[in-house]
C-alpha atoms as a PDB file:
ATOM      1  CA  THR A   1       0.000   0.000   0.000  1.00  0.00           C
ATOM      2  CA  THR A   2       0.952   3.647  -0.217  1.00  0.00           C
ATOM      3  CA  GLU A   3       1.294   3.709   3.571  1.00  0.00           C
ATOM      4  CA  GLN A   4       3.773   0.802   3.520  1.00  0.00           C
ATOM      5  CA  VAL A   5       5.966   2.599   0.984  1.00  0.00           C
ATOM      6  CA  LYS A   6       5.907   5.728   3.139  1.00  0.00           C
ATOM      7  CA  GLU A   7       6.882   3.708   6.212  1.00  0.00           C
ATOM      8  CA  ALA A   8       9.770   2.159   4.283  1.00  0.00           C
ATOM      9  CA  PHE A   9      11.033   5.640   3.401  1.00  0.00           C
ATOM     10  CA  LYS A  10      10.856   6.631   7.088  1.00  0.00           C
ATOM     11  CA  ILE A  11      13.098   3.691   7.962  1.00  0.00           C
ATOM     12  CA  ILE A  12      15.549   4.406   5.135  1.00  0.00           C
ATOM     13  CA  THR A  13      15.828   8.120   5.854  1.00  0.00           C
ATOM     14  CA  ALA A  14      16.288   7.582   9.585  1.00  0.00           C
ATOM     15  CA  ASP A  15      19.903   6.721   8.760  1.00  0.00           C
ATOM     16  CA  PRO A  16      21.829  10.010   8.434  1.00  0.00           C
ATOM     17  CA  GLN A  17      24.356   8.340   6.137  1.00  0.00           C
ATOM     18  CA  VAL A  18      21.753   7.830   3.403  1.00  0.00           C
ATOM     19  CA  GLN A  19      22.571  10.442   0.741  1.00  0.00           C
ATOM     20  CA  ALA A  20      20.296   9.239  -2.088  1.00  0.00           C
ATOM     21  CA  ILE A  21      17.567   6.649  -2.591  1.00  0.00           C
ATOM     22  CA  LEU A  22      17.209   4.170  -5.442  1.00  0.00           C
ATOM     23  CA  VAL A  23      13.788   2.570  -5.813  1.00  0.00           C
ATOM     24  CA  ASN A  24      13.874  -0.475  -8.094  1.00  0.00           C
ATOM     25  CA  ILE A  25      10.478  -2.082  -8.585  1.00  0.00           C
ATOM     26  CA  PHE A  26       9.397  -4.731 -11.033  1.00  0.00           C
ATOM     27  CA  GLY A  27       5.663  -4.582 -10.511  1.00  0.00           C
ATOM     28  CA  GLY A  28       4.210  -7.938 -11.355  1.00  0.00           C
ATOM     29  CA  ILE A  29       2.233  -8.427  -8.191  1.00  0.00           C
ATOM     30  CA  MET A  30       2.546  -4.888  -6.881  1.00  0.00           C
ATOM     31  CA  ARG A  31       1.258  -2.150  -9.176  1.00  0.00           C
ATOM     32  CA  CYS A  32       3.788   0.546 -10.079  1.00  0.00           C
ATOM     33  CA  ASP A  33       1.214   3.322  -9.672  1.00  0.00           C
ATOM     34  CA  VAL A  34       0.684   2.324  -6.030  1.00  0.00           C
ATOM     35  CA  ILE A  35       4.448   2.412  -5.453  1.00  0.00           C
ATOM     36  CA  ALA A  36       4.655   5.809  -7.163  1.00  0.00           C
ATOM     37  CA  LYS A  37       1.883   7.204  -4.963  1.00  0.00           C
ATOM     38  CA  GLY A  38       3.761   5.967  -1.899  1.00  0.00           C
ATOM     39  CA  ILE A  39       7.007   7.546  -3.085  1.00  0.00           C
ATOM     40  CA  LEU A  40       5.261  10.854  -3.720  1.00  0.00           C
ATOM     41  CA  ALA A  41       3.516  10.766  -0.342  1.00  0.00           C
ATOM     42  CA  ALA A  42       6.795   9.999   1.410  1.00  0.00           C
ATOM     43  CA  ALA A  43       8.698  12.732  -0.428  1.00  0.00           C
ATOM     44  CA  GLU A  44       6.051  15.318   0.450  1.00  0.00           C
ATOM     45  CA  GLU A  45       5.172  14.300   3.993  1.00  0.00           C
ATOM     46  CA  LEU A  46       8.745  13.626   5.079  1.00  0.00           C
ATOM     47  CA  SER A  47      10.059  16.746   3.268  1.00  0.00           C
ATOM     48  CA  LEU A  48      12.845  14.679   1.762  1.00  0.00           C
ATOM     49  CA  LYS A  49      15.841  16.705   0.647  1.00  0.00           C
ATOM     50  CA  ILE A  50      17.905  13.848  -0.767  1.00  0.00           C
ATOM     51  CA  PRO A  51      17.637  12.729  -4.396  1.00  0.00           C
ATOM     52  CA  ILE A  52      15.320   9.873  -5.283  1.00  0.00           C
ATOM     53  CA  VAL A  53      15.866   7.780  -8.407  1.00  0.00           C
ATOM     54  CA  CYS A  54      13.097   5.403  -9.485  1.00  0.00           C
ATOM     55  CA  ARG A  55      13.322   2.476 -11.835  1.00  0.00           C
ATOM     56  CA  LEU A  56       9.801   1.133 -12.235  1.00  0.00           C
ATOM     57  CA  GLN A  57       8.785  -1.655 -14.605  1.00  0.00           C
ATOM     58  CA  GLY A  58       5.613  -3.710 -14.807  1.00  0.00           C
ATOM     59  CA  THR A  59       1.922  -3.276 -14.134  1.00  0.00           C
ATOM     60  CA  ASN A  60       0.678   0.315 -14.578  1.00  0.00           C
ATOM     61  CA  VAL A  61       4.208   1.644 -15.173  1.00  0.00           C
ATOM     62  CA  ASP A  62       2.959   4.380 -17.527  1.00  0.00           C
ATOM     63  CA  ASP A  63       0.522   5.601 -14.882  1.00  0.00           C
ATOM     64  CA  ALA A  64       3.344   5.604 -12.334  1.00  0.00           C
ATOM     65  CA  LYS A  65       5.647   7.618 -14.596  1.00  0.00           C
ATOM     66  CA  ALA A  66       2.865  10.123 -15.266  1.00  0.00           C
ATOM     67  CA  LEU A  67       2.218  10.551 -11.540  1.00  0.00           C
ATOM     68  CA  ILE A  68       5.914  11.180 -10.898  1.00  0.00           C
ATOM     69  CA  ALA A  69       6.247  13.588 -13.834  1.00  0.00           C
ATOM     70  CA  MET A  70       3.179  15.621 -12.824  1.00  0.00           C
ATOM     71  CA  SER A  71       4.206  15.820  -9.174  1.00  0.00           C
ATOM     72  CA  ASN A  72       6.782  18.594  -9.632  1.00  0.00           C
ATOM     73  CA  LEU A  73       8.941  16.759  -7.089  1.00  0.00           C
ATOM     74  CA  ARG A  74      12.615  16.096  -7.675  1.00  0.00           C
ATOM     75  CA  ILE A  75      12.259  12.428  -8.433  1.00  0.00           C
ATOM     76  CA  LEU A  76      14.235  11.066 -11.358  1.00  0.00           C
ATOM     77  CA  ALA A  77      12.728   8.213 -13.358  1.00  0.00           C
ATOM     78  CA  CYS A  78      14.943   5.734 -15.221  1.00  0.00           C
ATOM     79  CA  ASP A  79      14.029   2.780 -17.416  1.00  0.00           C
ATOM     80  CA  ASN A  80      17.354   1.008 -17.083  1.00  0.00           C
ATOM     81  CA  LEU A  81      18.531  -0.385 -13.734  1.00  0.00           C
ATOM     82  CA  ASP A  82      22.211   0.080 -14.536  1.00  0.00           C
ATOM     83  CA  ASP A  83      21.684   3.738 -15.434  1.00  0.00           C
ATOM     84  CA  ALA A  84      19.536   4.262 -12.339  1.00  0.00           C
ATOM     85  CA  ALA A  85      22.206   2.766 -10.072  1.00  0.00           C
ATOM     86  CA  LYS A  86      24.972   4.872 -11.629  1.00  0.00           C
ATOM     87  CA  MET A  87      22.882   8.027 -11.338  1.00  0.00           C
ATOM     88  CA  THR A  88      22.091   7.293  -7.693  1.00  0.00           C
ATOM     89  CA  VAL A  89      25.767   6.839  -6.856  1.00  0.00           C
ATOM     90  CA  LYS A  90      26.704  10.078  -8.627  1.00  0.00           C
ATOM     91  CA  LEU A  91      23.968  12.011  -6.839  1.00  0.00           C
ATOM     92  CA  SER A  92      25.001  10.506  -3.512  1.00  0.00           C
ATOM     93  CA  ASP A  93      28.577  11.624  -4.147  1.00  0.00           C
ATOM     94  CA  ILE A  94      27.371  15.154  -4.907  1.00  0.00           C
ATOM     95  CA  VAL A  95      25.323  15.301  -1.694  1.00  0.00           C
ATOM     96  CA  THR A  96      28.245  13.941   0.352  1.00  0.00           C
ATOM     97  CA  MET A  97      30.683  16.513  -1.076  1.00  0.00           C
ATOM     98  CA  ALA A  98      28.192  19.345  -0.592  1.00  0.00           C
ATOM     99  CA  LYS A  99      27.551  18.420   3.039  1.00  0.00           C
ATOM    100  CA  ALA A 100      31.294  18.223   3.702  1.00  0.00           C
ATOM    101  CA  ALA A 101      31.613  21.772   2.347  1.00  0.00           C
ATOM    102  CA  ASN A 102      28.522  22.989   4.237  1.00  0.00           C
ATOM    103  CA  ILE A 103      26.707  23.703   0.984  1.00  0.00           C
ATOM    104  CA  ASP A 104      22.986  23.121   0.551  1.00  0.00           C
ATOM    105  CA  VAL A 105      22.267  21.332  -2.726  1.00  0.00           C
ATOM    106  CA  ASN A 106      18.937  21.505  -4.548  1.00  0.00           C
ATOM    107  CA  PHE A 107      18.177  19.153  -7.393  1.00  0.00           C
ATOM    108  CA  GLU A 108      16.230  20.580 -10.314  1.00  0.00           C
ATOM    109  CA  ILE A 109      14.879  18.464 -13.122  1.00  0.00           C
ATOM    110  CA  PRO A 110      14.897  20.203 -16.501  1.00  0.00           C
ATOM    111  CA  VAL A 111      11.461  20.265 -18.090  1.00  0.00           C
END
């Protein structure tokens, strides 16, 4: 459910060493749109400041991508797991370097 996804994000973000989040879902049983709604709810309600990269494939994936795109939140969608993982590591490195230099980093997605 959406609530379960939000609770998972609470657990993940409780660790101060988490600098970016990669969500990799192959929705056969679980619908991607439900996962997307949970990600959006978590990002909004928890006021997440770290980058989130999503790789969603499976049932209702187009609906999920549309929800993410229309949200105006800084959530990056990827179709390829390898690309998503590489992007997450790069973003994590950026956040780590910025924090070490006491710089606040905002991630903007070009439209």
